[in-house]
PDB file of N, CA and C in Angstrom:
ATOM      1  N   MET A   1     -68.121 -65.406  71.511  1.00  0.00           N
ATOM      2  CA  MET A   1     -68.022 -66.536  71.836  1.00  0.00           C
ATOM      3  C   MET A   1     -69.195 -67.730  72.394  1.00  0.00           C
ATOM      4  N   THR A   2     -69.159 -69.157  71.700  1.00  0.00           N
ATOM      5  CA  THR A   2     -70.171 -70.292  71.820  1.00  0.00           C
ATOM      6  C   THR A   2     -69.171 -71.304  72.442  1.00  0.00           C
ATOM      7  N   ILE A   3     -70.157 -71.883  73.122  1.00  0.00           N
ATOM      8  CA  ILE A   3     -69.625 -73.026  73.359  1.00  0.00           C
ATOM      9  C   ILE A   3     -70.795 -74.291  73.258  1.00  0.00           C
ATOM     10  N   SER A   4     -70.181 -75.389  73.571  1.00  0.00           N
ATOM     11  CA  SER A   4     -70.819 -76.844  72.902  1.00  0.00           C
ATOM     12  C   SER A   4     -71.678 -77.129  74.559  1.00  0.00           C
ATOM     13  N   TYR A   5     -72.740 -78.374  74.096  1.00  0.00           N
ATOM     14  CA  TYR A   5     -73.781 -78.138  75.428  1.00  0.00           C
ATOM     15  C   TYR A   5     -72.806 -79.052  76.299  1.00  0.00           C
ATOM     16  N   ASP A   6     -71.435 -80.053  75.828  1.00  0.00           N
ATOM     17  CA  ASP A   6     -70.281 -80.475  76.481  1.00  0.00           C
ATOM     18  C   ASP A   6     -70.007 -79.824  77.455  1.00  0.00           C
ATOM     19  N   ASP A   7     -69.699 -78.440  76.844  1.00  0.00           N
ATOM     20  CA  ASP A   7     -69.065 -77.471  77.682  1.00  0.00           C
ATOM     21  C   ASP A   7     -69.330 -77.080  79.037  1.00  0.00           C
ATOM     22  N   PHE A   8     -70.628 -77.027  78.800  1.00  0.00           N
ATOM     23  CA  PHE A   8     -72.166 -76.518  79.634  1.00  0.00           C
ATOM     24  C   PHE A   8     -72.279 -77.654  81.139  1.00  0.00           C
ATOM     25  N   ALA A   9     -72.322 -78.657  80.509  1.00  0.00           N
ATOM     26  CA  ALA A   9     -72.448 -79.887  81.239  1.00  0.00           C
ATOM     27  C   ALA A   9     -71.175 -80.095  82.099  1.00  0.00           C
ATOM     28  N   ARG A  10     -70.039 -79.701  81.567  1.00  0.00           N
ATOM     29  CA  ARG A  10     -69.047 -79.975  83.205  1.00  0.00           C
ATOM     30  C   ARG A  10     -68.935 -78.353  84.204  1.00  0.00           C
ATOM     31  N   VAL A  11     -69.960 -78.278  83.678  1.00  0.00           N
ATOM     32  CA  VAL A  11     -70.402 -77.676  85.063  1.00  0.00           C
ATOM     33  C   VAL A  11     -71.307 -77.860  86.160  1.00  0.00           C
ATOM     34  N   ASP A  12     -71.155 -78.300  86.897  1.00  0.00           N
ATOM     35  CA  ASP A  12     -71.760 -79.006  88.116  1.00  0.00           C
ATOM     36  C   ASP A  12     -72.771 -77.700  88.552  1.00  0.00           C
ATOM     37  N   ILE A  13     -73.453 -77.135  88.402  1.00  0.00           N
ATOM     38  CA  ILE A  13     -74.810 -76.773  89.250  1.00  0.00           C
ATOM     39  C   ILE A  13     -75.783 -77.155  90.174  1.00  0.00           C
ATOM     40  N   ARG A  14     -75.717 -77.321  91.355  1.00  0.00           N
ATOM     41  CA  ARG A  14     -77.091 -77.916  92.407  1.00  0.00           C
ATOM     42  C   ARG A  14     -77.429 -76.991  93.459  1.00  0.00           C
ATOM     43  N   VAL A  15     -78.568 -77.202  93.461  1.00  0.00           N
ATOM     44  CA  VAL A  15     -79.415 -76.385  94.499  1.00  0.00           C
ATOM     45  C   VAL A  15     -78.897 -77.248  96.030  1.00  0.00           C
ATOM     46  N   GLY A  16     -78.805 -75.725  96.681  1.00  0.00           N
ATOM     47  CA  GLY A  16     -78.207 -76.615  97.930  1.00  0.00           C
ATOM     48  C   GLY A  16     -79.207 -75.271  98.855  1.00  0.00           C
ATOM     49  N   ARG A  17     -79.120 -75.259 100.217  1.00  0.00           N
ATOM     50  CA  ARG A  17     -80.094 -74.865 101.512  1.00  0.00           C
ATOM     51  C   ARG A  17     -78.915 -74.275 102.507  1.00  0.00           C
ATOM     52  N   ILE A  18     -79.026 -72.783 102.670  1.00  0.00           N
ATOM     53  CA  ILE A  18     -78.160 -72.123 103.238  1.00  0.00           C
ATOM     54  C   ILE A  18     -78.696 -72.719 104.377  1.00  0.00           C
ATOM     55  N   ILE A  19     -77.726 -73.137 105.739  1.00  0.00           N
ATOM     56  CA  ILE A  19     -78.138 -73.790 106.975  1.00  0.00           C
ATOM     57  C   ILE A  19     -77.883 -72.928 107.794  1.00  0.00           C
ATOM     58  N   ARG A  20     -76.481 -71.583 107.625  1.00  0.00           N
ATOM     59  CA  ARG A  20     -75.846 -71.181 108.877  1.00  0.00           C
ATOM     60  C   ARG A  20     -75.303 -69.882 107.803  1.00  0.00           C
ATOM     61  N   ALA A  21     -75.707 -68.382 108.424  1.00  0.00           N
ATOM     62  CA  ALA A  21     -74.972 -67.372 107.932  1.00  0.00           C
ATOM     63  C   ALA A  21     -74.122 -66.618 109.285  1.00  0.00           C
ATOM     64  N   GLU A  22     -72.503 -66.344 108.909  1.00  0.00           N
ATOM     65  CA  GLU A  22     -72.422 -65.890 109.639  1.00  0.00           C
ATOM     66  C   GLU A  22     -71.051 -64.121 109.230  1.00  0.00           C
ATOM     67  N   PRO A  23     -71.233 -63.085 110.134  1.00  0.00           N
ATOM     68  CA  PRO A  23     -70.333 -62.396 109.407  1.00  0.00           C
ATOM     69  C   PRO A  23     -69.077 -63.121 109.037  1.00  0.00           C
ATOM     70  N   PHE A  24     -68.104 -61.865 108.097  1.00  0.00           N
ATOM     71  CA  PHE A  24     -66.951 -62.136 107.347  1.00  0.00           C
ATOM     72  C   PHE A  24     -66.178 -61.093 107.689  1.00  0.00           C
ATOM     73  N   PRO A  25     -65.520 -60.599 108.819  1.00  0.00           N
ATOM     74  CA  PRO A  25     -65.353 -58.978 108.904  1.00  0.00           C
ATOM     75  C   PRO A  25     -64.406 -59.081 108.053  1.00  0.00           C
ATOM     76  N   GLU A  26     -63.290 -60.442 107.831  1.00  0.00           N
ATOM     77  CA  GLU A  26     -62.151 -59.869 107.155  1.00  0.00           C
ATOM     78  C   GLU A  26     -61.765 -60.295 105.991  1.00  0.00           C
ATOM     79  N   ALA A  27     -62.881 -60.127 105.348  1.00  0.00           N
ATOM     80  CA  ALA A  27     -63.043 -60.167 104.189  1.00  0.00           C
ATOM     81  C   ALA A  27     -62.812 -58.445 103.291  1.00  0.00           C
ATOM     82  N   ARG A  28     -61.662 -58.345 102.119  1.00  0.00           N
ATOM     83  CA  ARG A  28     -61.955 -57.327 101.395  1.00  0.00           C
ATOM     84  C   ARG A  28     -62.888 -56.535 101.534  1.00  0.00           C
ATOM     85  N   LYS A  29     -63.989 -56.696 100.488  1.00  0.00           N
ATOM     86  CA  LYS A  29     -64.867 -56.302 100.418  1.00  0.00           C
ATOM     87  C   LYS A  29     -66.757 -57.079 101.307  1.00  0.00           C
ATOM     88  N   PRO A  30     -67.203 -56.096 102.049  1.00  0.00           N
ATOM     89  CA  PRO A  30     -68.075 -56.428 102.647  1.00  0.00           C
ATOM     90  C   PRO A  30     -68.972 -58.229 102.238  1.00  0.00           C
ATOM     91  N   ALA A  31     -68.933 -59.172 103.103  1.00  0.00           N
ATOM     92  CA  ALA A  31     -69.326 -61.107 102.769  1.00  0.00           C
ATOM     93  C   ALA A  31     -70.063 -61.400 103.927  1.00  0.00           C
ATOM     94  N   TYR A  32     -71.009 -61.936 103.644  1.00  0.00           N
ATOM     95  CA  TYR A  32     -71.265 -63.275 104.401  1.00  0.00           C
ATOM     96  C   TYR A  32     -70.264 -64.848 104.170  1.00  0.00           C
ATOM     97  N   LYS A  33     -69.975 -65.790 105.464  1.00  0.00           N
ATOM     98  CA  LYS A  33     -69.152 -67.237 105.245  1.00  0.00           C
ATOM     99  C   LYS A  33     -70.762 -67.892 105.188  1.00  0.00           C
ATOM    100  N   LEU A  34     -70.995 -68.507 104.744  1.00  0.00           N
ATOM    101  CA  LEU A  34     -71.913 -69.759 104.797  1.00  0.00           C
ATOM    102  C   LEU A  34     -71.825 -70.901 104.560  1.00  0.00           C
ATOM    103  N   TRP A  35     -72.341 -71.622 105.580  1.00  0.00           N
ATOM    104  CA  TRP A  35     -72.956 -73.356 105.652  1.00  0.00           C
ATOM    105  C   TRP A  35     -73.650 -73.461 104.339  1.00  0.00           C
ATOM    106  N   LEU A  36     -73.979 -74.687 103.535  1.00  0.00           N
ATOM    107  CA  LEU A  36     -74.916 -75.340 102.690  1.00  0.00           C
ATOM    108  C   LEU A  36     -74.896 -76.344 102.780  1.00  0.00           C
ATOM    109  N   ASP A  37     -75.942 -76.970 102.600  1.00  0.00           N
ATOM    110  CA  ASP A  37     -76.581 -78.117 102.615  1.00  0.00           C
ATOM    111  C   ASP A  37     -77.012 -79.101 100.988  1.00  0.00           C
ATOM    112  N   PHE A  38     -76.380 -79.727 100.653  1.00  0.00           N
ATOM    113  CA  PHE A  38     -76.760 -80.172  98.777  1.00  0.00           C
ATOM    114  C   PHE A  38     -76.451 -81.355  98.986  1.00  0.00           C
ATOM    115  N   GLY A  39     -77.418 -82.335 100.524  1.00  0.00           N
ATOM    116  CA  GLY A  39     -78.241 -83.442 100.071  1.00  0.00           C
ATOM    117  C   GLY A  39     -77.044 -84.624 100.727  1.00  0.00           C
ATOM    118  N   PRO A  40     -77.510 -85.326 100.214  1.00  0.00           N
ATOM    119  CA  PRO A  40     -76.585 -86.773 100.725  1.00  0.00           C
ATOM    120  C   PRO A  40     -75.283 -86.953  99.810  1.00  0.00           C
ATOM    121  N   GLU A  41     -75.949 -86.781  98.834  1.00  0.00           N
ATOM    122  CA  GLU A  41     -74.166 -87.038  97.991  1.00  0.00           C
ATOM    123  C   GLU A  41     -73.273 -85.807  97.813  1.00  0.00           C
ATOM    124  N   ILE A  42     -73.873 -84.915  98.175  1.00  0.00           N
ATOM    125  CA  ILE A  42     -72.737 -83.932  97.755  1.00  0.00           C
ATOM    126  C   ILE A  42     -72.481 -83.446  99.965  1.00  0.00           C
ATOM    127  N   GLY A  43     -73.271 -83.383  99.939  1.00  0.00           N
ATOM    128  CA  GLY A  43     -73.319 -83.011 101.605  1.00  0.00           C
ATOM    129  C   GLY A  43     -72.812 -81.101 102.013  1.00  0.00           C
ATOM    130  N   GLU A  44     -72.461 -81.320 103.444  1.00  0.00           N
ATOM    131  CA  GLU A  44     -72.182 -79.479 103.304  1.00  0.00           C
ATOM    132  C   GLU A  44     -71.395 -78.998 103.089  1.00  0.00           C
ATOM    133  N   LYS A  45     -71.468 -78.002 102.651  1.00  0.00           N
ATOM    134  CA  LYS A  45     -70.037 -77.182 102.310  1.00  0.00           C
ATOM    135  C   LYS A  45     -70.113 -75.858 102.500  1.00  0.00           C
ATOM    136  N   ARG A  46     -68.785 -74.711 102.425  1.00  0.00           N
ATOM    137  CA  ARG A  46     -68.689 -73.534 102.832  1.00  0.00           C
ATOM    138  C   ARG A  46     -68.362 -72.797 101.559  1.00  0.00           C
ATOM    139  N   SER A  47     -69.048 -71.656 102.499  1.00  0.00           N
ATOM    140  CA  SER A  47     -68.293 -70.530 100.567  1.00  0.00           C
ATOM    141  C   SER A  47     -68.624 -69.304 101.312  1.00  0.00           C
ATOM    142  N   SER A  48     -67.939 -68.159 100.570  1.00  0.00           N
ATOM    143  CA  SER A  48     -68.166 -66.918 101.534  1.00  0.00           C
ATOM    144  C   SER A  48     -68.744 -66.054 100.060  1.00  0.00           C
ATOM    145  N   ALA A  49     -69.574 -65.360 100.538  1.00  0.00           N
ATOM    146  CA  ALA A  49     -70.641 -64.477  99.241  1.00  0.00           C
ATOM    147  C   ALA A  49     -70.925 -62.898 100.093  1.00  0.00           C
ATOM    148  N   GLN A  50     -70.353 -62.317  98.680  1.00  0.00           N
ATOM    149  CA  GLN A  50     -70.739 -60.455  98.370  1.00  0.00           C
ATOM    150  C   GLN A  50     -71.798 -60.327  98.510  1.00  0.00           C
ATOM    151  N   ILE A  51     -73.331 -60.552  99.541  1.00  0.00           N
ATOM    152  CA  ILE A  51     -74.538 -60.146  99.623  1.00  0.00           C
ATOM    153  C   ILE A  51     -74.789 -59.657 101.130  1.00  0.00           C
ATOM    154  N   THR A  52     -74.060 -58.827 100.854  1.00  0.00           N
ATOM    155  CA  THR A  52     -74.123 -57.399 102.141  1.00  0.00           C
ATOM    156  C   THR A  52     -75.528 -56.459 102.387  1.00  0.00           C
ATOM    157  N   ARG A  53     -75.547 -56.043 100.487  1.00  0.00           N
ATOM    158  CA  ARG A  53     -76.343 -55.123 100.665  1.00  0.00           C
ATOM    159  C   ARG A  53     -77.696 -55.797 101.141  1.00  0.00           C
ATOM    160  N   HIS A  54     -78.235 -56.763  99.905  1.00  0.00           N
ATOM    161  CA  HIS A  54     -79.523 -57.385  99.641  1.00  0.00           C
ATOM    162  C   HIS A  54     -80.353 -58.474 100.714  1.00  0.00           C
ATOM    163  N   TYR A  55     -79.231 -59.327 101.698  1.00  0.00           N
ATOM    164  CA  TYR A  55     -79.517 -60.200 102.570  1.00  0.00           C
ATOM    165  C   TYR A  55     -79.104 -59.767 104.284  1.00  0.00           C
ATOM    166  N   THR A  56     -79.540 -60.717 105.214  1.00  0.00           N
ATOM    167  CA  THR A  56     -79.808 -60.492 106.272  1.00  0.00           C
ATOM    168  C   THR A  56     -78.683 -61.203 107.264  1.00  0.00           C
ATOM    169  N   LEU A  57     -78.066 -61.588 107.988  1.00  0.00           N
ATOM    170  CA  LEU A  57     -77.631 -62.774 108.523  1.00  0.00           C
ATOM    171  C   LEU A  57     -78.865 -63.701 108.250  1.00  0.00           C
ATOM    172  N   GLU A  58     -80.057 -63.181 109.140  1.00  0.00           N
ATOM    173  CA  GLU A  58     -81.002 -64.090 109.922  1.00  0.00           C
ATOM    174  C   GLU A  58     -81.838 -64.205 108.640  1.00  0.00           C
ATOM    175  N   GLU A  59     -82.289 -63.866 107.883  1.00  0.00           N
ATOM    176  CA  GLU A  59     -82.668 -63.934 106.275  1.00  0.00           C
ATOM    177  C   GLU A  59     -82.385 -65.155 105.514  1.00  0.00           C
ATOM    178  N   LEU A  60     -80.998 -65.690 106.025  1.00  0.00           N
ATOM    179  CA  LEU A  60     -80.659 -66.298 104.504  1.00  0.00           C
ATOM    180  C   LEU A  60     -80.726 -67.654 104.861  1.00  0.00           C
ATOM    181  N   PRO A  61     -80.541 -68.371 106.605  1.00  0.00           N
ATOM    182  CA  PRO A  61     -80.389 -69.497 106.181  1.00  0.00           C
ATOM    183  C   PRO A  61     -82.236 -70.287 105.872  1.00  0.00           C
ATOM    184  N   GLY A  62     -82.226 -71.208 105.929  1.00  0.00           N
ATOM    185  CA  GLY A  62     -83.312 -71.510 105.078  1.00  0.00           C
ATOM    186  C   GLY A  62     -84.073 -71.370 103.625  1.00  0.00           C
ATOM    187  N   ARG A  63     -82.899 -70.273 103.038  1.00  0.00           N
ATOM    188  CA  ARG A  63     -82.889 -70.359 101.489  1.00  0.00           C
ATOM    189  C   ARG A  63     -82.616 -70.708 100.766  1.00  0.00           C
ATOM    190  N   GLN A  64     -83.131 -71.562  99.651  1.00  0.00           N
ATOM    191  CA  GLN A  64     -82.284 -72.305  98.600  1.00  0.00           C
ATOM    192  C   GLN A  64     -81.433 -71.085  97.193  1.00  0.00           C
ATOM    193  N   VAL A  65     -79.837 -72.321  97.034  1.00  0.00           N
ATOM    194  CA  VAL A  65     -79.360 -71.178  95.951  1.00  0.00           C
ATOM    195  C   VAL A  65     -78.847 -71.985  95.275  1.00  0.00           C
ATOM    196  N   LEU A  66     -78.194 -71.583  94.392  1.00  0.00           N
ATOM    197  CA  LEU A  66     -77.627 -73.041  93.201  1.00  0.00           C
ATOM    198  C   LEU A  66     -76.300 -72.323  93.604  1.00  0.00           C
ATOM    199  N   ALA A  67     -75.586 -73.358  93.189  1.00  0.00           N
ATOM    200  CA  ALA A  67     -74.127 -73.047  93.016  1.00  0.00           C
ATOM    201  C   ALA A  67     -73.447 -73.867  92.484  1.00  0.00           C
ATOM    202  N   VAL A  68     -71.901 -73.512  91.717  1.00  0.00           N
ATOM    203  CA  VAL A  68     -71.105 -74.339  91.635  1.00  0.00           C
ATOM    204  C   VAL A  68     -70.330 -75.132  92.331  1.00  0.00           C
ATOM    205  N   VAL A  69     -70.709 -76.620  92.504  1.00  0.00           N
ATOM    206  CA  VAL A  69     -69.885 -77.481  93.291  1.00  0.00           C
ATOM    207  C   VAL A  69     -69.059 -78.235  93.057  1.00  0.00           C
ATOM    208  N   ASN A  70     -68.274 -77.970  91.335  1.00  0.00           N
ATOM    209  CA  ASN A  70     -66.925 -78.796  90.640  1.00  0.00           C
ATOM    210  C   ASN A  70     -66.326 -77.951  90.754  1.00  0.00           C
ATOM    211  N   PHE A  71     -65.909 -76.897  90.975  1.00  0.00           N
ATOM    212  CA  PHE A  71     -64.839 -75.544  91.455  1.00  0.00           C
ATOM    213  C   PHE A  71     -63.846 -76.186  92.345  1.00  0.00           C
ATOM    214  N   PRO A  72     -62.605 -76.224  91.850  1.00  0.00           N
ATOM    215  CA  PRO A  72     -61.352 -76.482  93.295  1.00  0.00           C
ATOM    216  C   PRO A  72     -61.669 -75.573  94.006  1.00  0.00           C
ATOM    217  N   PRO A  73     -61.599 -75.582  95.610  1.00  0.00           N
ATOM    218  CA  PRO A  73     -61.661 -75.057  96.846  1.00  0.00           C
ATOM    219  C   PRO A  73     -60.700 -74.151  96.078  1.00  0.00           C
ATOM    220  N   ARG A  74     -61.376 -72.601  97.412  1.00  0.00           N
ATOM    221  CA  ARG A  74     -59.752 -71.644  96.884  1.00  0.00           C
ATOM    222  C   ARG A  74     -60.232 -71.091  98.237  1.00  0.00           C
ATOM    223  N   GLN A  75     -58.973 -70.158  98.763  1.00  0.00           N
ATOM    224  CA  GLN A  75     -58.451 -69.915 100.472  1.00  0.00           C
ATOM    225  C   GLN A  75     -59.357 -68.069 100.138  1.00  0.00           C
ATOM    226  N   ILE A  76     -60.221 -68.017 100.795  1.00  0.00           N
ATOM    227  CA  ILE A  76     -60.459 -66.633 100.896  1.00  0.00           C
ATOM    228  C   ILE A  76     -60.550 -66.115 102.475  1.00  0.00           C
ATOM    229  N   GLY A  77     -59.174 -65.703 102.426  1.00  0.00           N
ATOM    230  CA  GLY A  77     -58.638 -64.945 103.829  1.00  0.00           C
ATOM    231  C   GLY A  77     -58.531 -66.502 104.912  1.00  0.00           C
ATOM    232  N   PRO A  78     -59.095 -66.748 106.036  1.00  0.00           N
ATOM    233  CA  PRO A  78     -59.721 -67.267 106.594  1.00  0.00           C
ATOM    234  C   PRO A  78     -60.316 -68.834 106.492  1.00  0.00           C
ATOM    235  N   VAL A  79     -61.035 -68.199 105.329  1.00  0.00           N
ATOM    236  CA  VAL A  79     -62.280 -68.838 105.334  1.00  0.00           C
ATOM    237  C   VAL A  79     -62.166 -69.905 103.592  1.00  0.00           C
ATOM    238  N   LYS A  80     -62.122 -71.494 103.684  1.00  0.00           N
ATOM    239  CA  LYS A  80     -61.360 -72.364 102.396  1.00  0.00           C
ATOM    240  C   LYS A  80     -63.412 -72.094 101.634  1.00  0.00           C
ATOM    241  N   SER A  81     -63.768 -71.430 100.143  1.00  0.00           N
ATOM    242  CA  SER A  81     -64.621 -71.817 100.059  1.00  0.00           C
ATOM    243  C   SER A  81     -64.558 -72.709  99.086  1.00  0.00           C
ATOM    244  N   GLU A  82     -65.441 -73.799  99.195  1.00  0.00           N
ATOM    245  CA  GLU A  82     -65.816 -74.978  98.711  1.00  0.00           C
ATOM    246  C   GLU A  82     -66.862 -75.165  97.289  1.00  0.00           C
ATOM    247  N   VAL A  83     -67.833 -73.950  97.077  1.00  0.00           N
ATOM    248  CA  VAL A  83     -68.564 -73.531  96.105  1.00  0.00           C
ATOM    249  C   VAL A  83     -68.729 -72.445  96.078  1.00  0.00           C
ATOM    250  N   LEU A  84     -69.144 -72.129  94.799  1.00  0.00           N
ATOM    251  CA  LEU A  84     -69.452 -70.667  94.368  1.00  0.00           C
ATOM    252  C   LEU A  84     -70.836 -70.476  94.327  1.00  0.00           C
ATOM    253  N   VAL A  85     -71.448 -69.734  95.140  1.00  0.00           N
ATOM    254  CA  VAL A  85     -73.541 -69.396  95.585  1.00  0.00           C
ATOM    255  C   VAL A  85     -72.992 -68.041  94.117  1.00  0.00           C
ATOM    256  N   LEU A  86     -73.856 -68.553  93.270  1.00  0.00           N
ATOM    257  CA  LEU A  86     -74.414 -68.146  91.904  1.00  0.00           C
ATOM    258  C   LEU A  86     -75.088 -66.259  92.692  1.00  0.00           C
ATOM    259  N   GLY A  87     -75.163 -65.750  91.153  1.00  0.00           N
ATOM    260  CA  GLY A  87     -75.893 -64.473  91.705  1.00  0.00           C
ATOM    261  C   GLY A  87     -76.006 -63.628  90.616  1.00  0.00           C
ATOM    262  N   LEU A  88     -76.951 -62.435  90.743  1.00  0.00           N
ATOM    263  CA  LEU A  88     -77.161 -61.774  89.195  1.00  0.00           C
ATOM    264  C   LEU A  88     -77.342 -60.379  89.956  1.00  0.00           C
ATOM    265  N   PRO A  89     -76.439 -59.508  89.123  1.00  0.00           N
ATOM    266  CA  PRO A  89     -75.952 -57.967  89.562  1.00  0.00           C
ATOM    267  C   PRO A  89     -77.558 -57.559  89.842  1.00  0.00           C
ATOM    268  N   ASP A  90     -77.781 -56.159  90.457  1.00  0.00           N
ATOM    269  CA  ASP A  90     -79.426 -55.315  90.588  1.00  0.00           C
ATOM    270  C   ASP A  90     -78.833 -54.306  89.480  1.00  0.00           C
ATOM    271  N   ALA A  91     -79.480 -53.321  89.450  1.00  0.00           N
ATOM    272  CA  ALA A  91     -79.315 -51.922  88.464  1.00  0.00           C
ATOM    273  C   ALA A  91     -77.853 -51.331  89.144  1.00  0.00           C
ATOM    274  N   ASP A  92     -77.035 -51.390  90.517  1.00  0.00           N
ATOM    275  CA  ASP A  92     -75.913 -50.989  91.125  1.00  0.00           C
ATOM    276  C   ASP A  92     -74.610 -51.791  91.137  1.00  0.00           C
ATOM    277  N   GLY A  93     -75.238 -53.144  90.160  1.00  0.00           N
ATOM    278  CA  GLY A  93     -74.112 -54.321  90.437  1.00  0.00           C
ATOM    279  C   GLY A  93     -73.948 -54.969  91.971  1.00  0.00           C
ATOM    280  N   GLU A  94     -75.304 -54.353  92.717  1.00  0.00           N
ATOM    281  CA  GLU A  94     -75.116 -55.655  93.789  1.00  0.00           C
ATOM    282  C   GLU A  94     -75.768 -57.179  93.450  1.00  0.00           C
ATOM    283  N   VAL A  95     -75.156 -57.922  94.435  1.00  0.00           N
ATOM    284  CA  VAL A  95     -75.663 -59.237  94.080  1.00  0.00           C
ATOM    285  C   VAL A  95     -76.868 -59.445  95.222  1.00  0.00           C
ATOM    286  N   VAL A  96     -77.626 -60.000  93.651  1.00  0.00           N
ATOM    287  CA  VAL A  96     -78.763 -60.933  94.395  1.00  0.00           C
ATOM    288  C   VAL A  96     -78.938 -62.009  93.309  1.00  0.00           C
ATOM    289  N   LEU A  97     -79.124 -63.403  94.781  1.00  0.00           N
ATOM    290  CA  LEU A  97     -78.817 -64.483  94.881  1.00  0.00           C
ATOM    291  C   LEU A  97     -80.253 -65.118  93.745  1.00  0.00           C
ATOM    292  N   ILE A  98     -79.374 -66.318  92.821  1.00  0.00           N
ATOM    293  CA  ILE A  98     -79.922 -67.408  91.979  1.00  0.00           C
ATOM    294  C   ILE A  98     -80.357 -68.716  93.080  1.00  0.00           C
ATOM    295  N   GLY A  99     -82.230 -68.780  92.876  1.00  0.00           N
ATOM    296  CA  GLY A  99     -82.541 -70.002  93.606  1.00  0.00           C
ATOM    297  C   GLY A  99     -83.941 -70.084  92.442  1.00  0.00           C
ATOM    298  N   PRO A 100     -84.324 -71.570  92.909  1.00  0.00           N
ATOM    299  CA  PRO A 100     -85.022 -71.899  92.251  1.00  0.00           C
ATOM    300  C   PRO A 100     -86.394 -71.177  93.362  1.00  0.00           C
ATOM    301  N   GLY A 101     -87.826 -71.244  91.401  1.00  0.00           N
ATOM    302  CA  GLY A 101     -88.986 -70.228  92.480  1.00  0.00           C
ATOM    303  C   GLY A 101     -90.014 -70.717  93.465  1.00  0.00           C
ATOM    304  N   GLN A 102     -89.478 -72.729  93.554  1.00  0.00           N
ATOM    305  CA  GLN A 102     -90.195 -72.880  94.623  1.00  0.00           C
ATOM    306  C   GLN A 102     -89.155 -73.985  95.500  1.00  0.00           C
ATOM    307  N   ASP A 103     -89.512 -74.707  96.499  1.00  0.00           N
ATOM    308  CA  ASP A 103     -88.984 -75.775  96.994  1.00  0.00           C
ATOM    309  C   ASP A 103     -88.274 -77.024  96.409  1.00  0.00           C
ATOM    310  N   VAL A 104     -87.007 -77.537  96.484  1.00  0.00           N
ATOM    311  CA  VAL A 104     -87.142 -78.447  94.991  1.00  0.00           C
ATOM    312  C   VAL A 104     -85.842 -79.336  96.006  1.00  0.00           C
ATOM    313  N   PRO A 105     -86.124 -80.370  95.334  1.00  0.00           N
ATOM    314  CA  PRO A 105     -84.526 -81.460  96.241  1.00  0.00           C
ATOM    315  C   PRO A 105     -83.482 -81.040  96.624  1.00  0.00           C
ATOM    316  N   LEU A 106     -82.790 -81.017  98.076  1.00  0.00           N
ATOM    317  CA  LEU A 106     -81.493 -80.827  97.979  1.00  0.00           C
ATOM    318  C   LEU A 106     -80.347 -81.486  96.179  1.00  0.00           C
ATOM    319  N   GLY A 107     -79.224 -80.721  95.898  1.00  0.00           N
ATOM    320  CA  GLY A 107     -78.199 -81.239  95.568  1.00  0.00           C
ATOM    321  C   GLY A 107     -79.009 -81.396  93.957  1.00  0.00           C
ATOM    322  N   GLY A 108     -79.852 -80.917  93.875  1.00  0.00           N
ATOM    323  CA  GLY A 108     -80.494 -81.526  92.445  1.00  0.00           C
ATOM    324  C   GLY A 108     -79.322 -80.548  90.890  1.00  0.00           C
ATOM    325  N   ARG A 109     -79.376 -81.338  90.587  1.00  0.00           N
ATOM    326  CA  ARG A 109     -78.660 -80.205  89.310  1.00  0.00           C
ATOM    327  C   ARG A 109     -79.733 -79.762  88.047  1.00  0.00           C
ATOM    328  N   MET A 110     -78.511 -78.878  88.118  1.00  0.00           N
ATOM    329  CA  MET A 110     -79.471 -77.500  86.818  1.00  0.00           C
ATOM    330  C   MET A 110     -78.805 -77.911  85.669  1.00  0.00           C
ATOM    331  N   PHE A 111     -80.534 -77.797  84.597  1.00  0.00           N
ATOM    332  CA  PHE A 111     -79.553 -78.535  83.321  1.00  0.00           C
ATOM    333  C   PHE A 111     -80.244 -77.435  82.367  1.00  0.00           C
TER     334      PHE A 111
END
């Protein structure tokens, strides 16, 4: 299936910085609760992410990641997930986060 550029442009993917990460013991699969800063235009948003295999809670704050910011919020147990943090599967299907190769301004839109 192919899509048009207009279809792609409707997905708002922005760079944010993880500012806080906490355990999420209520999740069905191992996950963390994340707070991300997307800069002054979008502000702080929350998410949950199944990234416990490759990342510790201590190493996540400060990391820049890409996330979809224009999906409707989704309730995941007690957490209201406001953005979808993006990742790719490793050889075992575990999530590896996607982020810029160098620091970029927060809130920058992927194109």
